[in-house]
Amino acid sequence: MKKWKCSVCGYVYDESHEGTPFEQLPESWTCPRCGAPRSAFQVIEGEATVSRSKSTVADKLVEQLAAYGVRRVYGIPGHSNLPLTDAIRRHQDIELILTRHEQAAAYMASAHAKLTGEIGVCMSIAGPGATNLITGLVDAATDRAPVLALLGQVPEVFLGSESLQEIAETDIFKTFCVYAEMITHPAQALQVLNLAIKKAYAAPGPAALSLPTDVLAKPLDGSIWNPGDHLFHLDPLPGDSIKKAAAMLQQSRRPVLFAGWGARHCGPDLLDLAYHIGAPIATTSRAKGTVLESDEMVLGVLGSIGNRFAPRIVQQADLIVILGSGFRQRNLVPDIDVVQVDIDAARVGKTFPVKAGIVGDAHRVVQMLRQALPKREMDPEFRSLIREAHTKYLGLLEADRQNLLKPIHPGTVIQALKTHAPQNAIICSDVGDHTYWFYKRFVCEGQTTLLCANMAGMGFGVPAAIACSFARPERPVIALTGDGGFGMAGMEFTTAVHNRLPITIVVFNDGKLKNIKKEMEGSGYPVYRVEFPNPDFSQFAKTAGGLGFRVEDPEDLDEAFRKAMASSLPSIIDVKIDPEKYIEAIHRL
């Protein structure tokens, strides 16, 4: 007599107790505990289980993901995704990265996609696990990052019965995902998965698949799809629009190049174009680090969290070329002609008039403009204004560097970071007052930056750093976070410890939601409920198995950064920040 175990809920059918051999049960028979079909049962031999089929739907989904190059799935296992969890466990090329919270898992998948351009994958159980993914997936949606969410779901036989943790996942996720579908039959599994990946890349944005537990456990044999036969990317070649833009650039006296996220991979070519036509470069916050910010042709970040000199220079321009950005803050640019380049036609001229619109890849357009335009020198007066602005800006940075007052000035921390961050570092910024200080006062010279840009969701920094360390283990990774953002995602530090990821987390610790306090004061409201007590974050780091440094004296910053950056362990630098030192956003010229 044999024992058969339900792969969905773990129920054991013991033939010696039941009296009827399992193989003689009718095909319509289902698990008396969870309703899973007969095909979800496996015979138990000793402590091992042997499947009645060569593979399941879950196995094929994981095999297909591996074929697309997916190596990690971020998330938390549970009852409604156990077949998927076990399929990951058994596959040699994919691993499940256990996180503390599903929001962090989605942030990690989004950060992976932003950094690499490859699809990031996260997973959850049904109900609360699925809804916890939403914030991170909306970050992927608004920052246009290809992400796939694998949502556990109650068994198909229970759908619509108000089962425990049952929610209408596809209805919810369709509101912000580029694709959301439920797999209800093995025959559709691979086609739906491949379509989800294609749409995630094409938008780009998040796609979600709802996966009933019993369907995951059903048998599915056969071959997976060859990604090379199904996944293709847009390769546009603009023509007449390039000629119009080139003519406008030739006629202008003071053009400015403005690089967004879509231009993030063309830094050297972009700088070459700038020198060729005598046009300085500003960037969006997301594109910070695309070009060397110490170069005399680079103005830094133009935007609300950018430096105050960039809009002053742009105000003197007579043409702006926007490359790979929708650019929400048109208010920071004078009423001048605009050339806009974007891969998405809907974003060109979306909120402001554009004289020459180019639908295409920003990098290719930069190369084509370089070929189409003759070399010329920058307007002398314009160059003089830029050099004067650079001198004043460097003066601000030096003042921050020399500031030894207590509590520690936020700008002093940024300059200490600048001293110790290697040129190949990846810096992931959370959202808060420290974000303004970093984007306004850190000069990128090779560093890559990541931000939860359009959603501005707190709790992004630490999960993003973890994902980046997995994706680029050869590069140092730094997370900047306030105590508010760290309070939301700080327990993911243990994820870094568990996986031996040598990330460095800098906590700007001022005991309050300082950016919210600033907003209250600026809007005329009384300051209310923005302060909280903090533990010693450095001690938390040590007890979790990492390194921790508590810094209250600015003269101790260098030693803390040096030790943290040299360590093979994850570390936290807990810096006591002056709670009264703000830096203002820029909203108008």
Protein backbone atom coordinates (compact mmCIF):
# COMPACT_ATOMS: atom_id res chain seq x y z
CA MET A 1 0.00 0.00 0.00
CA LYS A 2 1.20 3.52 -0.82
CA LYS A 3 0.90 7.05 0.50
CA TRP A 4 0.18 9.99 -1.79
CA LYS A 5 0.88 13.59 -0.86
CA CYS A 6 -0.93 16.69 -2.18
CA SER A 7 1.69 19.06 -3.54
CA VAL A 8 -0.64 21.99 -2.89
CA CYS A 9 -1.54 21.64 0.77
CA GLY A 10 0.44 18.63 2.01
CA TYR A 11 -2.57 16.39 2.68
CA VAL A 12 -1.59 12.69 2.67
CA TYR A 13 -3.83 10.03 1.15
CA ASP A 14 -2.88 6.75 2.85
CA GLU A 15 -4.21 3.77 0.88
CA SER A 16 -3.97 1.50 3.93
CA HIS A 17 -6.34 3.76 5.84
CA GLU A 18 -8.59 4.84 2.98
CA GLY A 19 -9.19 1.34 1.62
CA THR A 20 -9.13 2.36 -2.07
CA PRO A 21 -5.91 2.45 -4.11
CA PHE A 22 -5.19 5.98 -5.27
CA GLU A 23 -4.90 4.92 -8.91
CA GLN A 24 -8.48 3.66 -8.81
CA LEU A 25 -9.95 6.97 -7.68
CA PRO A 26 -12.03 8.69 -10.37
CA GLU A 27 -10.38 11.50 -12.35
CA SER A 28 -12.91 13.91 -10.85
CA TRP A 29 -11.63 13.19 -7.34
CA THR A 30 -10.06 16.17 -5.58
CA CYS A 31 -8.08 16.71 -2.42
CA PRO A 32 -10.51 16.75 0.53
CA ARG A 33 -8.52 19.54 2.18
CA CYS A 34 -7.77 22.05 -0.59
CA GLY A 35 -9.65 20.82 -3.66
CA ALA A 36 -6.54 20.18 -5.76
CA PRO A 37 -6.96 17.61 -8.59
CA ARG A 38 -5.54 14.06 -8.56
CA SER A 39 -2.66 15.21 -10.73
CA ALA A 40 -1.37 17.34 -7.86
CA PHE A 41 -0.62 14.23 -5.78
CA GLN A 42 2.76 12.53 -5.65
CA VAL A 43 3.53 9.08 -4.33
CA ILE A 44 5.71 9.04 -1.22
CA GLU A 45 8.61 6.58 -1.23
CA GLY A 46 10.49 6.82 2.03
CA GLU A 47 11.12 10.53 2.55
CA ALA A 48 11.15 11.30 -1.16
CA THR A 49 8.27 12.07 -3.49
CA VAL A 50 8.17 10.93 -7.09
CA SER A 51 6.01 12.88 -9.52
CA ARG A 52 3.45 11.01 -11.62
CA SER A 53 4.47 13.30 -14.49
CA LYS A 54 7.91 14.38 -15.71
CA SER A 55 7.22 18.04 -14.97
CA THR A 56 4.55 20.45 -13.79
CA VAL A 57 3.32 23.85 -14.88
CA ALA A 58 5.51 25.39 -12.19
CA ASP A 59 8.55 23.52 -13.51
CA LYS A 60 7.97 24.77 -17.05
CA LEU A 61 7.42 28.35 -15.94
CA VAL A 62 10.73 28.30 -14.07
CA GLU A 63 12.50 26.61 -16.97
CA GLN A 64 11.16 29.28 -19.34
CA LEU A 65 12.29 32.09 -17.03
CA ALA A 66 15.78 30.57 -16.92
CA ALA A 67 15.85 30.51 -20.73
CA TYR A 68 15.21 34.27 -20.67
CA GLY A 69 18.25 34.70 -18.46
CA VAL A 70 16.44 35.13 -15.14
CA ARG A 71 18.73 34.05 -12.32
CA ARG A 72 16.92 35.35 -9.25
CA VAL A 73 13.35 35.65 -8.07
CA TYR A 74 12.81 38.00 -5.12
CA GLY A 75 10.02 37.23 -2.68
CA ILE A 76 8.52 35.14 0.09
CA PRO A 77 7.25 31.54 -0.17
CA GLY A 78 3.89 30.48 1.22
CA HIS A 79 0.97 28.14 0.87
CA SER A 80 -0.33 29.47 -2.44
CA ASN A 81 3.02 29.45 -4.25
CA LEU A 82 4.66 26.30 -2.86
CA PRO A 83 4.72 24.43 -6.21
CA LEU A 84 6.51 27.42 -7.75
CA THR A 85 8.88 27.70 -4.78
CA ASP A 86 9.81 24.04 -5.06
CA ALA A 87 10.33 24.31 -8.82
CA ILE A 88 12.79 27.15 -8.18
CA ARG A 89 14.52 25.07 -5.51
CA ARG A 90 15.05 22.22 -7.95
CA HIS A 91 16.29 24.34 -10.87
CA GLN A 92 20.06 24.75 -10.94
CA ASP A 93 20.11 28.18 -12.65
CA ILE A 94 17.57 30.13 -10.56
CA GLU A 95 17.42 30.91 -6.86
CA LEU A 96 14.80 32.43 -4.63
CA ILE A 97 16.10 35.45 -2.70
CA LEU A 98 14.13 35.47 0.53
CA THR A 99 13.12 39.00 1.52
CA ARG A 100 11.54 40.33 4.69
CA HIS A 101 8.67 42.05 2.90
CA GLU A 102 7.06 41.77 -0.52
CA GLN A 103 7.34 45.52 -1.10
CA ALA A 104 11.10 45.16 -0.82
CA ALA A 105 10.98 42.19 -3.22
CA ALA A 106 9.22 44.32 -5.84
CA TYR A 107 11.66 47.19 -5.28
CA MET A 108 14.53 44.73 -5.80
CA ALA A 109 13.03 43.45 -9.07
CA SER A 110 12.49 47.04 -10.23
CA ALA A 111 16.02 48.09 -9.29
CA HIS A 112 17.46 45.06 -11.11
CA ALA A 113 15.55 46.07 -14.24
CA LYS A 114 16.61 49.71 -14.01
CA LEU A 115 20.27 48.82 -13.56
CA THR A 116 20.58 46.03 -16.15
CA GLY A 117 17.74 46.62 -18.61
CA GLU A 118 16.85 42.96 -18.10
CA ILE A 119 13.57 41.76 -16.65
CA GLY A 120 13.38 41.63 -12.86
CA VAL A 121 11.17 38.99 -11.24
CA CYS A 122 9.38 38.97 -7.89
CA MET A 123 6.84 36.60 -6.35
CA SER A 124 4.29 36.51 -3.57
CA ILE A 125 1.53 34.46 -2.06
CA ALA A 126 -2.12 35.31 -2.66
CA GLY A 127 -3.98 38.12 -0.93
CA PRO A 128 -1.76 40.25 1.34
CA GLY A 129 1.43 39.05 -0.30
CA ALA A 130 0.19 40.18 -3.70
CA THR A 131 -1.04 43.55 -2.47
CA ASN A 132 2.28 44.15 -0.70
CA LEU A 133 4.01 44.03 -4.08
CA ILE A 134 2.02 46.96 -5.45
CA THR A 135 4.21 49.88 -4.36
CA GLY A 136 7.35 48.41 -5.90
CA LEU A 137 5.50 47.46 -9.08
CA VAL A 138 4.07 50.95 -9.44
CA ASP A 139 7.65 52.21 -9.17
CA ALA A 140 8.49 49.93 -12.11
CA ALA A 141 5.44 51.20 -14.00
CA THR A 142 6.18 54.90 -13.57
CA ASP A 143 9.95 54.52 -14.07
CA ARG A 144 9.38 52.21 -17.06
CA ALA A 145 11.28 49.16 -15.81
CA PRO A 146 10.53 45.64 -17.16
CA VAL A 147 9.35 43.54 -14.21
CA LEU A 148 7.40 40.29 -13.92
CA ALA A 149 5.33 39.59 -10.79
CA LEU A 150 4.36 35.98 -10.09
CA LEU A 151 1.31 36.07 -7.85
CA GLY A 152 0.27 33.03 -5.87
CA GLN A 153 -3.47 32.45 -6.01
CA VAL A 154 -5.93 30.16 -4.23
CA PRO A 155 -6.72 26.90 -6.07
CA GLU A 156 -8.86 27.41 -9.16
CA VAL A 157 -11.64 25.30 -7.65
CA PHE A 158 -12.01 27.89 -4.87
CA LEU A 159 -12.05 31.02 -7.03
CA GLY A 160 -15.15 33.09 -6.46
CA SER A 161 -15.97 31.38 -3.16
CA GLU A 162 -14.46 34.05 -0.89
CA SER A 163 -11.72 31.64 0.08
CA LEU A 164 -9.04 32.64 2.58
CA GLN A 165 -6.67 35.18 0.94
CA GLU A 166 -8.63 35.22 -2.32
CA ILE A 167 -8.64 38.57 -4.12
CA ALA A 168 -9.32 39.52 -7.73
CA GLU A 169 -5.63 39.82 -8.56
CA THR A 170 -5.88 40.48 -12.28
CA ASP A 171 -8.54 43.16 -11.78
CA ILE A 172 -6.30 44.96 -9.27
CA PHE A 173 -3.03 44.63 -11.15
CA LYS A 174 -4.45 45.62 -14.54
CA THR A 175 -4.86 49.16 -13.22
CA PHE A 176 -1.10 49.77 -13.32
CA CYS A 177 0.52 46.78 -15.08
CA VAL A 178 1.10 46.59 -18.83
CA TYR A 179 -0.28 43.04 -18.71
CA ALA A 180 -2.10 41.02 -16.06
CA GLU A 181 -3.52 37.57 -16.65
CA MET A 182 -4.41 34.37 -14.80
CA ILE A 183 -3.12 31.00 -15.96
CA THR A 184 -6.04 28.61 -15.65
CA HIS A 185 -4.89 25.69 -17.80
CA PRO A 186 -1.51 24.07 -18.42
CA ALA A 187 -1.82 24.46 -22.19
CA GLN A 188 -1.82 28.25 -21.94
CA ALA A 189 1.01 28.58 -19.39
CA LEU A 190 4.01 29.10 -21.67
CA GLN A 191 2.18 31.30 -24.14
CA VAL A 192 0.89 33.58 -21.39
CA LEU A 193 4.30 33.75 -19.68
CA ASN A 194 6.04 34.64 -22.93
CA LEU A 195 3.45 37.30 -23.72
CA ALA A 196 3.86 38.80 -20.25
CA ILE A 197 7.63 39.05 -20.73
CA LYS A 198 7.27 40.52 -24.24
CA LYS A 199 4.86 43.21 -22.99
CA ALA A 200 7.05 44.00 -19.97
CA TYR A 201 9.98 44.66 -22.30
CA ALA A 202 7.94 46.48 -24.96
CA ALA A 203 6.30 49.08 -22.69
CA PRO A 204 8.53 48.79 -20.64
CA GLY A 205 6.78 48.19 -17.34
CA PRO A 206 5.50 45.52 -14.94
CA ALA A 207 3.48 42.46 -15.97
CA ALA A 208 1.68 40.21 -13.49
CA LEU A 209 0.60 36.58 -13.65
CA SER A 210 -1.95 35.14 -11.24
CA LEU A 211 -1.09 31.49 -10.60
CA PRO A 212 -3.70 29.27 -8.90
CA THR A 213 -1.90 26.72 -6.75
CA ASP A 214 -3.60 23.66 -8.22
CA VAL A 215 -2.83 24.78 -11.77
CA LEU A 216 0.85 25.18 -10.86
CA ALA A 217 0.89 21.56 -9.70
CA LYS A 218 -0.71 20.13 -12.83
CA PRO A 219 1.48 18.12 -15.22
CA LEU A 220 2.97 19.86 -18.23
CA ASP A 221 5.55 18.24 -20.48
CA GLY A 222 7.01 19.40 -23.77
CA SER A 223 9.56 22.00 -24.80
CA ILE A 224 9.76 25.60 -23.67
CA TRP A 225 9.83 28.44 -26.20
CA ASN A 226 13.12 29.70 -27.63
CA PRO A 227 13.32 33.37 -26.56
CA GLY A 228 15.33 34.25 -29.65
CA ASP A 229 12.37 33.31 -31.81
CA HIS A 230 9.89 35.43 -29.89
CA LEU A 231 11.52 38.46 -28.22
CA PHE A 232 12.44 41.41 -30.44
CA HIS A 233 13.21 45.06 -29.68
CA LEU A 234 12.36 48.26 -31.54
CA ASP A 235 15.16 49.54 -33.78
CA PRO A 236 13.91 52.81 -35.24
CA LEU A 237 15.85 54.89 -37.74
CA PRO A 238 14.48 58.44 -37.86
CA GLY A 239 15.17 60.47 -40.99
CA ASP A 240 13.41 63.74 -41.80
CA SER A 241 12.94 64.62 -38.13
CA ILE A 242 16.73 64.42 -37.65
CA LYS A 243 17.24 66.90 -40.49
CA LYS A 244 14.78 69.35 -38.92
CA ALA A 245 16.43 69.09 -35.52
CA ALA A 246 19.89 69.53 -37.05
CA ALA A 247 18.73 72.67 -38.89
CA MET A 248 17.37 74.13 -35.63
CA LEU A 249 20.67 73.42 -33.85
CA GLN A 250 22.64 75.14 -36.61
CA GLN A 251 20.48 78.25 -36.32
CA SER A 252 20.66 78.46 -32.52
CA ARG A 253 23.36 80.41 -30.70
CA ARG A 254 23.03 78.89 -27.24
CA PRO A 255 21.64 75.34 -27.41
CA VAL A 256 21.45 73.08 -24.37
CA LEU A 257 21.34 69.28 -24.34
CA PHE A 258 19.10 67.75 -21.68
CA ALA A 259 19.61 64.02 -21.06
CA GLY A 260 17.04 61.79 -19.39
CA TRP A 261 16.82 58.11 -18.48
CA GLY A 262 16.52 57.13 -22.15
CA ALA A 263 20.00 58.54 -22.76
CA ARG A 264 21.66 56.84 -19.83
CA HIS A 265 23.81 54.53 -21.97
CA CYS A 266 25.31 57.14 -24.30
CA GLY A 267 27.45 59.25 -21.96
CA PRO A 268 30.67 59.38 -24.03
CA ASP A 269 28.82 60.03 -27.31
CA LEU A 270 26.67 62.65 -25.63
CA LEU A 271 29.71 64.49 -24.29
CA ASP A 272 31.33 64.26 -27.72
CA LEU A 273 28.24 65.87 -29.29
CA ALA A 274 28.30 68.61 -26.64
CA TYR A 275 31.88 69.59 -27.52
CA HIS A 276 31.21 69.23 -31.24
CA ILE A 277 28.34 71.74 -31.30
CA GLY A 278 29.21 73.86 -28.25
CA ALA A 279 26.17 72.88 -26.17
CA PRO A 280 26.34 72.22 -22.40
CA ILE A 281 24.59 69.19 -20.90
CA ALA A 282 22.07 69.03 -18.07
CA THR A 283 20.46 65.78 -16.89
CA THR A 284 17.37 64.61 -15.10
CA SER A 285 17.79 63.15 -11.62
CA ARG A 286 17.40 59.62 -12.99
CA ALA A 287 20.19 60.21 -15.51
CA LYS A 288 22.60 61.62 -12.92
CA GLY A 289 26.00 60.09 -13.63
CA THR A 290 25.38 59.56 -17.35
CA VAL A 291 28.16 62.07 -18.05
CA LEU A 292 31.08 63.18 -15.88
CA GLU A 293 29.65 65.99 -13.78
CA SER A 294 33.10 67.45 -13.22
CA ASP A 295 33.43 68.20 -16.93
CA GLU A 296 33.15 71.89 -17.84
CA MET A 297 30.38 71.10 -20.35
CA VAL A 298 28.13 69.49 -17.72
CA LEU A 299 25.65 71.56 -15.68
CA GLY A 300 24.45 68.74 -13.40
CA VAL A 301 20.86 67.87 -12.57
CA LEU A 302 18.10 70.19 -13.80
CA GLY A 303 14.95 69.73 -11.76
CA SER A 304 13.40 70.25 -8.36
CA ILE A 305 16.14 68.22 -6.67
CA GLY A 306 18.86 69.54 -8.96
CA ASN A 307 21.47 72.21 -8.25
CA ARG A 308 20.46 75.86 -8.36
CA PHE A 309 22.94 76.82 -11.10
CA ALA A 310 21.64 74.56 -13.88
CA PRO A 311 18.33 76.43 -14.39
CA ARG A 312 20.16 79.78 -14.32
CA ILE A 313 22.30 78.68 -17.25
CA VAL A 314 19.38 77.10 -19.12
CA GLN A 315 17.51 80.38 -18.72
CA GLN A 316 20.05 81.95 -21.09
CA ALA A 317 19.61 79.25 -23.78
CA ASP A 318 17.70 79.69 -27.03
CA LEU A 319 17.08 75.98 -27.79
CA ILE A 320 16.83 72.84 -25.66
CA VAL A 321 17.22 69.29 -26.97
CA ILE A 322 15.48 66.82 -24.63
CA LEU A 323 16.89 63.32 -25.00
CA GLY A 324 14.97 60.40 -23.52
CA SER A 325 12.82 62.25 -21.03
CA GLY A 326 9.20 63.35 -20.71
CA PHE A 327 10.49 66.27 -18.59
CA ARG A 328 7.67 67.19 -16.24
CA GLN A 329 9.34 70.40 -15.04
CA ARG A 330 9.02 72.52 -18.15
CA ASN A 331 8.63 75.43 -15.74
CA LEU A 332 12.42 75.43 -15.26
CA VAL A 333 13.02 76.17 -18.94
CA PRO A 334 12.36 79.57 -20.56
CA ASP A 335 9.96 79.94 -23.46
CA ILE A 336 12.32 78.64 -26.14
CA ASP A 337 12.05 76.11 -28.97
CA VAL A 338 12.21 72.45 -27.98
CA VAL A 339 13.54 69.38 -29.77
CA GLN A 340 12.37 66.21 -28.01
CA VAL A 341 13.59 62.65 -28.54
CA ASP A 342 11.85 59.64 -27.00
CA ILE A 343 11.37 55.99 -27.85
CA ASP A 344 7.68 56.37 -26.96
CA ALA A 345 5.77 58.52 -29.45
CA ALA A 346 3.09 59.31 -26.85
CA ARG A 347 5.65 61.09 -24.67
CA VAL A 348 6.86 63.44 -27.40
CA GLY A 349 4.96 66.70 -27.06
CA LYS A 350 2.86 65.20 -24.27
CA THR A 351 2.66 68.28 -22.02
CA PHE A 352 4.37 71.09 -23.95
CA PRO A 353 4.78 72.11 -27.60
CA VAL A 354 7.71 70.61 -29.49
CA LYS A 355 9.14 72.15 -32.68
CA ALA A 356 10.95 68.98 -33.77
CA GLY A 357 9.82 65.62 -32.36
CA ILE A 358 11.94 62.52 -32.94
CA VAL A 359 10.57 59.07 -32.08
CA GLY A 360 13.63 56.91 -31.66
CA ASP A 361 16.44 55.67 -29.46
CA ALA A 362 18.26 58.59 -27.84
CA HIS A 363 21.71 57.06 -28.30
CA ARG A 364 21.22 56.58 -32.03
CA VAL A 365 19.82 60.09 -32.39
CA VAL A 366 22.87 61.54 -30.60
CA GLN A 367 25.14 59.70 -33.04
CA MET A 368 23.13 60.85 -36.06
CA LEU A 369 23.11 64.49 -34.93
CA ARG A 370 26.89 64.31 -34.46
CA GLN A 371 27.27 63.19 -38.07
CA ALA A 372 24.77 65.72 -39.43
CA LEU A 373 26.23 68.84 -37.80
CA PRO A 374 29.46 70.75 -38.48
CA LYS A 375 31.78 71.53 -35.59
CA ARG A 376 31.43 74.94 -33.96
CA GLU A 377 32.53 76.73 -30.81
CA MET A 378 30.33 77.65 -27.89
CA ASP A 379 29.11 81.23 -27.65
CA PRO A 380 31.88 83.00 -25.61
CA GLU A 381 29.48 84.81 -23.29
CA PHE A 382 27.58 81.57 -22.66
CA ARG A 383 30.83 79.78 -21.82
CA SER A 384 31.77 82.55 -19.39
CA LEU A 385 28.44 82.18 -17.57
CA ILE A 386 28.94 78.43 -17.28
CA ARG A 387 32.46 78.77 -15.90
CA GLU A 388 31.30 81.32 -13.34
CA ALA A 389 28.51 78.94 -12.25
CA HIS A 390 31.01 76.07 -11.93
CA THR A 391 33.25 78.17 -9.72
CA LYS A 392 30.42 79.13 -7.39
CA TYR A 393 29.18 75.53 -7.25
CA LEU A 394 32.61 74.18 -6.31
CA GLY A 395 32.72 76.81 -3.57
CA LEU A 396 29.54 75.37 -2.04
CA LEU A 397 31.00 71.88 -2.09
CA GLU A 398 34.20 73.01 -0.43
CA ALA A 399 32.22 74.80 2.31
CA ASP A 400 30.35 71.55 2.98
CA ARG A 401 33.62 69.63 3.07
CA GLN A 402 35.14 71.99 5.62
CA ASN A 403 32.05 72.16 7.86
CA LEU A 404 32.93 70.49 11.18
CA LEU A 405 29.94 71.66 13.20
CA LYS A 406 27.83 69.35 15.36
CA PRO A 407 25.25 67.97 14.80
CA ILE A 408 26.68 66.95 11.45
CA HIS A 409 25.69 68.98 8.41
CA PRO A 410 24.06 66.82 5.66
CA GLY A 411 26.34 68.35 3.03
CA THR A 412 29.38 67.24 5.00
CA VAL A 413 28.19 63.63 4.78
CA ILE A 414 27.75 63.96 1.01
CA GLN A 415 31.32 65.22 0.59
CA ALA A 416 32.65 62.39 2.77
CA LEU A 417 30.72 60.00 0.52
CA LYS A 418 32.31 61.67 -2.50
CA THR A 419 35.77 61.13 -1.05
CA HIS A 420 35.26 57.41 -0.47
CA ALA A 421 32.81 56.26 -3.19
CA PRO A 422 34.81 54.52 -5.95
CA GLN A 423 34.20 55.73 -9.49
CA ASN A 424 32.52 52.42 -10.36
CA ALA A 425 30.18 52.53 -7.37
CA ILE A 426 26.42 52.13 -7.69
CA ILE A 427 24.59 54.57 -5.40
CA CYS A 428 20.93 53.87 -4.61
CA SER A 429 19.11 56.79 -3.05
CA ASP A 430 15.99 56.49 -0.94
CA VAL A 431 13.49 59.34 -0.72
CA GLY A 432 13.81 62.15 1.83
CA ASP A 433 15.71 65.33 2.58
CA HIS A 434 18.99 63.48 2.03
CA THR A 435 17.89 62.90 -1.60
CA TYR A 436 18.05 66.63 -2.26
CA TRP A 437 21.49 66.91 -0.72
CA PHE A 438 22.84 64.03 -2.78
CA TYR A 439 21.45 65.15 -6.14
CA LYS A 440 22.42 68.77 -5.55
CA ARG A 441 25.86 68.32 -3.98
CA PHE A 442 27.38 65.03 -5.17
CA VAL A 443 29.53 65.24 -8.30
CA CYS A 444 29.33 61.96 -10.24
CA GLU A 445 32.55 60.89 -11.94
CA GLY A 446 31.66 57.41 -13.15
CA GLN A 447 29.22 56.40 -10.42
CA THR A 448 25.83 54.98 -11.40
CA THR A 449 22.78 56.27 -9.52
CA LEU A 450 19.35 54.73 -8.97
CA LEU A 451 16.22 56.38 -7.59
CA CYS A 452 12.51 55.68 -7.17
CA ALA A 453 11.95 58.70 -9.38
CA ASN A 454 8.37 59.16 -10.45
CA MET A 455 6.65 57.53 -7.47
CA ALA A 456 9.20 58.85 -4.93
CA GLY A 457 8.46 55.91 -2.65
CA MET A 458 10.26 55.70 0.68
CA GLY A 459 11.91 52.36 1.44
CA PHE A 460 13.52 51.98 -2.00
CA GLY A 461 17.18 52.51 -1.14
CA VAL A 462 18.13 49.38 0.83
CA PRO A 463 16.22 46.84 -1.34
CA ALA A 464 17.61 48.49 -4.48
CA ALA A 465 21.16 48.20 -3.16
CA ILE A 466 20.65 44.50 -2.46
CA ALA A 467 19.40 43.85 -5.99
CA CYS A 468 22.27 45.85 -7.49
CA SER A 469 24.82 43.89 -5.47
CA PHE A 470 23.36 40.64 -6.78
CA ALA A 471 23.32 41.92 -10.36
CA ARG A 472 26.77 43.55 -10.30
CA PRO A 473 28.81 41.77 -7.61
CA GLU A 474 32.05 43.22 -8.99
CA ARG A 475 30.97 46.78 -8.17
CA PRO A 476 30.69 48.47 -4.75
CA VAL A 477 27.10 49.37 -3.86
CA ILE A 478 25.98 52.14 -1.51
CA ALA A 479 22.49 52.93 -0.23
CA LEU A 480 21.61 56.42 1.02
CA THR A 481 18.54 56.56 3.22
CA GLY A 482 16.91 58.68 5.87
CA ASP A 483 15.81 57.19 9.15
CA GLY A 484 12.23 57.29 7.85
CA GLY A 485 12.99 55.21 4.77
CA PHE A 486 15.26 52.90 6.74
CA GLY A 487 12.45 52.32 9.22
CA MET A 488 10.31 51.03 6.35
CA ALA A 489 12.86 48.65 4.82
CA GLY A 490 15.78 48.41 7.24
CA MET A 491 15.12 44.79 8.15
CA GLU A 492 16.22 43.89 4.62
CA PHE A 493 19.73 44.49 6.01
CA THR A 494 19.42 40.94 7.31
CA THR A 495 18.80 39.83 3.72
CA ALA A 496 22.15 41.37 2.82
CA VAL A 497 23.80 39.62 5.78
CA HIS A 498 22.23 36.28 4.90
CA ASN A 499 23.51 36.53 1.32
CA ARG A 500 26.89 38.05 2.27
CA LEU A 501 26.42 41.16 0.17
CA PRO A 502 29.01 43.85 1.04
CA ILE A 503 26.70 46.84 0.64
CA THR A 504 27.19 50.05 2.60
CA ILE A 505 24.09 51.78 3.98
CA VAL A 506 24.35 55.41 5.07
CA VAL A 507 21.50 56.44 7.38
CA PHE A 508 20.83 60.17 7.72
CA ASN A 509 19.54 60.01 11.28
CA ASP A 510 17.76 63.16 12.47
CA GLY A 511 14.83 61.57 14.33
CA LYS A 512 12.16 62.94 12.06
CA LEU A 513 10.58 62.97 8.63
CA LYS A 514 12.48 66.15 7.81
CA ASN A 515 11.25 66.50 4.26
CA ILE A 516 7.64 66.30 5.46
CA LYS A 517 8.41 68.85 8.16
CA LYS A 518 9.81 71.13 5.44
CA GLU A 519 6.65 70.65 3.35
CA MET A 520 4.40 71.45 6.31
CA GLU A 521 6.30 74.64 7.06
CA GLY A 522 6.38 75.66 3.41
CA SER A 523 2.62 75.17 3.06
CA GLY A 524 1.74 77.09 6.23
CA TYR A 525 0.69 74.09 8.31
CA PRO A 526 1.76 73.48 11.91
CA VAL A 527 4.44 70.81 12.20
CA TYR A 528 2.71 67.67 13.47
CA ARG A 529 3.65 64.00 13.94
CA VAL A 530 6.93 63.95 12.05
CA GLU A 531 9.24 63.01 14.92
CA PHE A 532 10.03 59.53 16.23
CA PRO A 533 12.56 57.82 18.51
CA ASN A 534 15.29 55.82 16.80
CA PRO A 535 17.32 52.88 18.08
CA ASP A 536 21.05 52.75 17.56
CA PHE A 537 21.16 51.53 13.96
CA SER A 538 24.86 50.68 14.24
CA GLN A 539 24.12 48.24 17.07
CA PHE A 540 21.35 46.68 14.99
CA ALA A 541 23.89 46.12 12.21
CA LYS A 542 26.28 44.37 14.57
CA THR A 543 23.66 42.12 16.15
CA ALA A 544 22.42 41.19 12.67
CA GLY A 545 25.89 39.98 11.70
CA GLY A 546 27.21 43.02 9.82
CA LEU A 547 29.30 46.05 10.65
CA GLY A 548 27.91 49.16 12.33
CA PHE A 549 29.34 52.64 12.82
CA ARG A 550 27.73 55.40 14.88
CA VAL A 551 29.01 58.82 13.78
CA GLU A 552 28.27 61.94 15.82
CA ASP A 553 31.44 63.89 15.06
CA PRO A 554 32.11 64.94 11.45
CA GLU A 555 35.81 64.18 11.94
CA ASP A 556 34.88 60.49 12.34
CA LEU A 557 33.14 60.24 8.96
CA ASP A 558 36.26 59.37 6.98
CA GLU A 559 37.18 56.43 9.22
CA ALA A 560 33.63 55.05 9.14
CA PHE A 561 33.43 55.25 5.35
CA ARG A 562 36.90 53.78 4.92
CA LYS A 563 36.17 50.75 7.12
CA ALA A 564 32.71 50.18 5.67
CA MET A 565 33.86 50.35 2.05
CA ALA A 566 36.78 48.01 2.74
CA SER A 567 34.69 45.34 4.46
CA SER A 568 33.35 42.16 2.91
CA LEU A 569 30.37 42.41 5.25
CA PRO A 570 27.29 44.61 4.82
CA SER A 571 27.56 47.71 6.96
CA ILE A 572 25.52 50.59 8.33
CA ILE A 573 26.92 54.06 8.91
CA ASP A 574 24.46 55.72 11.30
CA VAL A 575 25.09 59.47 11.08
CA LYS A 576 23.53 61.92 13.54
CA ILE A 577 22.39 64.73 11.25
CA ASP A 578 21.49 68.31 12.14
CA PRO A 579 17.67 68.21 12.08
CA GLU A 580 17.41 71.91 11.22
CA LYS A 581 19.55 71.97 8.07
CA TYR A 582 17.35 71.82 4.96
CA ILE A 583 18.00 72.27 1.30
CA GLU A 584 15.19 73.67 -0.80
CA ALA A 585 13.61 72.25 -3.93
CA ILE A 586 13.72 74.31 -7.11
CA HIS A 587 10.26 74.94 -8.54
CA ARG A 588 10.73 77.96 -10.77
CA LEU A 589 13.33 80.07 -12.54
